[in-house]
């Protein structure tokens, strides 16, 4: 291990937040479209489907969108379904 102090040229910091995956961008576009009620994303590999489901679930949880849409996986397909609006009496 090597520790250095008073480094003259510090590298620039990367912008926080990272880049959103293609699936999250597709979900955002889907939610913005008022006409579509559900969507399906199909993968060739079961492992990839499981990983991408985790990404979408993480986005849903971080942005507190549990009341807006539901997401689940069956085999190699991920389904995203808009939740109907509940009107308060």
Protein backbone atom coordinates (compact mmCIF):
# COMPACT_ATOMS: atom_id res chain seq x y z
CA UNK A 1 0.00 0.00 0.00
CA UNK A 2 1.22 3.47 -0.84
CA UNK A 3 -0.14 6.64 0.79
CA UNK A 4 0.70 10.06 -0.62
CA UNK A 5 -0.02 13.51 0.83
CA UNK A 6 -0.18 16.96 -0.83
CA UNK A 7 -0.62 15.61 -4.34
CA UNK A 8 -0.02 18.40 -6.87
CA UNK A 9 -2.42 17.32 -9.64
CA UNK A 10 -5.65 15.84 -8.36
CA UNK A 11 -7.87 14.06 -10.92
CA UNK A 12 -11.30 15.57 -11.52
CA UNK A 13 -14.18 14.09 -9.60
CA UNK A 14 -16.83 12.24 -11.58
CA UNK A 15 -20.34 13.63 -11.42
CA UNK A 16 -22.36 11.72 -8.84
CA UNK A 17 -25.38 9.59 -9.52
CA UNK A 18 -23.94 7.50 -12.30
CA UNK A 19 -25.60 6.70 -15.60
CA UNK A 20 -29.05 5.14 -15.76
CA UNK A 21 -29.37 1.85 -17.56
CA UNK A 22 -31.32 1.51 -20.77
CA UNK A 23 -34.19 -0.28 -19.01
CA UNK A 24 -34.67 2.53 -16.46
CA UNK A 25 -34.77 5.07 -19.29
CA UNK A 26 -37.40 2.91 -21.04
CA UNK A 27 -39.49 2.79 -17.83
CA UNK A 28 -39.27 6.59 -17.47
CA UNK A 29 -40.48 7.02 -21.07
CA UNK A 30 -43.24 4.46 -20.45
CA UNK A 31 -44.46 6.31 -17.34
CA UNK A 32 -44.49 9.61 -19.24
CA UNK A 33 -46.77 8.13 -21.91
CA UNK A 34 -50.33 8.28 -20.60
CA UNK A 35 -51.73 5.87 -23.22
CA UNK A 36 -49.78 2.71 -22.40
CA UNK A 37 -50.76 0.64 -19.37
CA UNK A 38 -48.03 -2.01 -19.27
CA UNK A 39 -44.78 -3.04 -20.90
CA UNK A 40 -42.69 -6.19 -21.24
CA UNK A 41 -38.91 -6.42 -21.58
CA UNK A 42 -37.63 -9.80 -22.81
CA UNK A 43 -34.05 -11.06 -22.42
CA UNK A 44 -32.08 -13.93 -23.93
CA UNK A 45 -30.52 -14.84 -20.58
CA UNK A 46 -32.26 -15.47 -17.24
CA UNK A 47 -29.31 -14.04 -15.28
CA UNK A 48 -29.48 -10.76 -17.19
CA UNK A 49 -33.23 -10.53 -16.58
CA UNK A 50 -32.67 -10.95 -12.84
CA UNK A 51 -29.96 -8.25 -12.80
CA UNK A 52 -32.04 -5.77 -14.78
CA UNK A 53 -35.07 -6.39 -12.57
CA UNK A 54 -32.92 -5.36 -9.61
CA UNK A 55 -31.96 -2.14 -11.39
CA UNK A 56 -35.57 -1.22 -12.06
CA UNK A 57 -36.63 -2.12 -8.51
CA UNK A 58 -33.81 0.01 -7.11
CA UNK A 59 -34.91 2.98 -9.25
CA UNK A 60 -38.51 2.45 -8.08
CA UNK A 61 -37.52 2.36 -4.42
CA UNK A 62 -35.08 5.30 -4.48
CA UNK A 63 -37.61 7.55 -6.25
CA UNK A 64 -40.54 6.34 -4.09
CA UNK A 65 -42.58 5.18 -7.09
CA UNK A 66 -44.15 2.12 -5.43
CA UNK A 67 -47.62 3.66 -5.84
CA UNK A 68 -46.99 4.57 -9.50
CA UNK A 69 -45.99 1.23 -11.03
CA UNK A 70 -45.37 -2.42 -10.22
CA UNK A 71 -42.56 -4.53 -11.66
CA UNK A 72 -42.06 -8.30 -11.66
CA UNK A 73 -40.26 -11.04 -13.56
CA UNK A 74 -41.54 -14.28 -15.07
CA UNK A 75 -38.80 -16.44 -16.56
CA UNK A 76 -36.79 -14.21 -18.95
CA UNK A 77 -39.37 -11.42 -19.13
CA UNK A 78 -39.80 -8.34 -16.95
CA UNK A 79 -43.26 -6.82 -16.74
CA UNK A 80 -43.92 -3.20 -15.74
CA UNK A 81 -47.53 -2.30 -14.96
CA UNK A 82 -48.87 1.14 -14.12
CA UNK A 83 -50.90 1.18 -10.93
CA UNK A 84 -54.33 2.75 -11.31
CA UNK A 85 -54.69 6.08 -9.55
CA UNK A 86 -56.59 5.86 -6.31
CA UNK A 87 -58.76 8.86 -5.72
CA UNK A 88 -59.21 10.01 -2.15
CA UNK A 89 -62.79 10.63 -1.06
